[in-house]
Amino acid sequence: MGTVVVATTPNKMSKDDILLEGDFEVFPRDKVLYHVECSRTGISYYPKGGERSKKTLKYIHFGDVTGCRCRKSLDQKHSNKAYLTVFHYPLKKKLFGEKCVRSKQHITFSRSADESFDSNRKVNEKWRRVILRLCQGLTVLKTDVDKCSVPEKKRLLVLVNPHSGPGRAMQIYKGQVAPMLDEADIITTVIETEYAGHGTKLMKSFKREDYNGVVIVSGDGLIYEVVNGLMGRSDWEDAMKIPIGCVPGGSGNALACAINYSAGESIETDPVLHSTFILVKHKVIPMDLVMIEQPKTKIFSFLSVCWGLLADIDFESEKFRAIGEARFTLQAILRIMSLRKYKGRLSFLPLTEYIPKSSNNNIAKSAQTPQKNRRVSLDDFGNSNGSGEENRLRSKSVPSKLYRGKLVSSPEIDEEDCEEKLADFRESFVSGDFEPQILGPMVVNGGPHADVDVKFSLESNEVFTSGDGDANDTSSISSLQEILRVSKSKDGKFPSFLPALGEPLPSDWVTLDEEFVTVCASYQTHLGSDLIMAPDARFNDGIIHLTFIKAGIQKGELIQLMGMLEKGTQIDHPSPNFEFVKCLAFRLQPEGEHGVIMVDGERVDYGPLQGQILPGMANLMAIQ
């Protein structure tokens, strides 16, 4: 996670910026009167009659606020007082460290200016309505403060796996998650899963219209069940619109780590608090899925496919489940000391031309520049048009340009137009309504730019060229051109460009017939809290991040690689036996009958399989 820049107290606001203002006491200091101002970005307060300065001014940013309540005093001496409590989780820099973490705080304002409780309560209720709308990113006009309504309460279906990881998921939910959701006035229906596959069964029968989201308090296994349960419904297209959220409650919490990492929230310190905060403040973000085909089944993956070393570590560490995520580290040491090799064939459709690392290490390394740090910047609150939450809670990093080339600067190509067309293309991909003309002549052979090989980066929405090209040469066809040739899958559900598992692959696929140590196809940044497999992945980048390690790597190099995975710096490792490739589809054909293949941490039948990206097929409660 990158550096988090903590917000500074805003300068004095103009009268036009202030939506509400009034005088309140701040509990428990009932003898000091504060002047309180509410703007679209936060609440400022300072002692009335004193000088407004950095020393005296206090500030609560709405990006940190989760809820607000009106209360009545239990003390008969203050029976006319009405209390207004604001729950917020500000970022604080850790002592002796650069990382920022959130801590729970609440502040209670009391009003006794009127003689009756009802009169004071009415004023506080107006403040509450405005605060709740602003902390949820809703617009409030100055002319509407007296009549704006309380936002509709969200309803979440919460699935808790009591047997996940160390078996503390229900304890985590009741002790940390439920109180935060209650502060935010979120209505929950909690179901405790009883057996393997229960999550899939529940998702096939639950009423989609009754909930605003599904939250999983467990490890990645229950998320896998939920995704496949939703995709198995007859109304899967509508069902997949419901956003999925998660809180780490198991031993493998990869998606929760990826969500926190993307939002700039802490993974190491109190990840449950930070994950729950994201659930309360979430935006709905599209998330890619990968369709996995095997000879007898088809499943949908949200995280990864692993074969070899990483799969063995995941599966064989089950006996250490009681120690949580430490089980993976322990099993990794044991497995590296007695390293296995796996013979098989790996094929993939690369996003751009594949250059084997072993053939020219310098070229391969120059094609991959180090990723920029994830960064949450809180500097631009004043530029926010709404609550400022979108500026406070999002990663400011820009995906690295992994595929170099000259940017097309021809006046015939408008960059904004390219972005619009690419967005239209992505939408048509998800819906299945393909119209090749949406991209215009840029990708049509023989068009005005047929003298160059035009490529799109699905990650950065930029157009690149790789030099002079042949309009009739499809050996290095661009990713978008390839996808435009797709047809519906056999069941008619969604676009598929995979040949049948037993059929030969097109000529523009790359095939490696090797001995491998491990192969991992991942589509999230993390495979665990200390395992950053694809540091520049995005939830909806439309890319499979393929990592493979060939036999011949030294144990010392492998241990070094495992250490680099903690920071996501392994991409630049010089070993010719380690490669990292971005692709749209892959096929794995292991030799022999014995071994382990893991999909999203779940063991599947050992044998050939293939997968392709399904851009934006699911929805996620996250901040990106």
Foldseek 3Di string as FASTA:
>chain_A
DFFEDFDADDDDDDPQQFLDWDWWDWPPRRVFIWIWTQGQFWIKIFTPPDDDDSVGIDIDGLLFWQAKDKDADPDPVPRQKIKIKTWGWGWDADPPDRATATDIDMIMIIDRPDPHNVVRRLVNVLVRQSSQCSSQFHDDHSVCSNPHGHDDAFEEEEEEEQPAFLRCLVVLCVPAQVVSCVRNVHHYDYDYADDQLSLLVCLQDDDQVVGQAYEYRHALRSVQSNLQSLCPHPPSLVSQARAYAYAHHHLWHWVLLLQCQFQSHDLPPPSRNSSSSLLSRFDKDFFKWKWKDDPVDIGIFRWKKKFFLQQCLLVVLVVVSNVGNVSSVVSSVVDLVVFDKFFWKKKFQFQFDDDQCVVPVVVQLVLADDFDHWYQYQHPQVVDPGNSNLNRTGTPGAGDRSGDADFDPPPVDDLVLLLVLVVVQLVCQLVVPADVCSNPQPQQQPGPPNQWQWEAQLRHSTIGTDHGDHSPDCLGHHPSVQQSPWHADPVRPGTDNDDPQPDDDDNNMDMDRAIWNMKMWTQGQGRHQQFGPDPRHDRFSLKTKIKTFGPPDDSVLVVVLSNVRSVVPNQNPSDSRIHITIGFKMKIATDDQDTFMARSSHTDHDGIMMMGMRGSSHIHGHHD
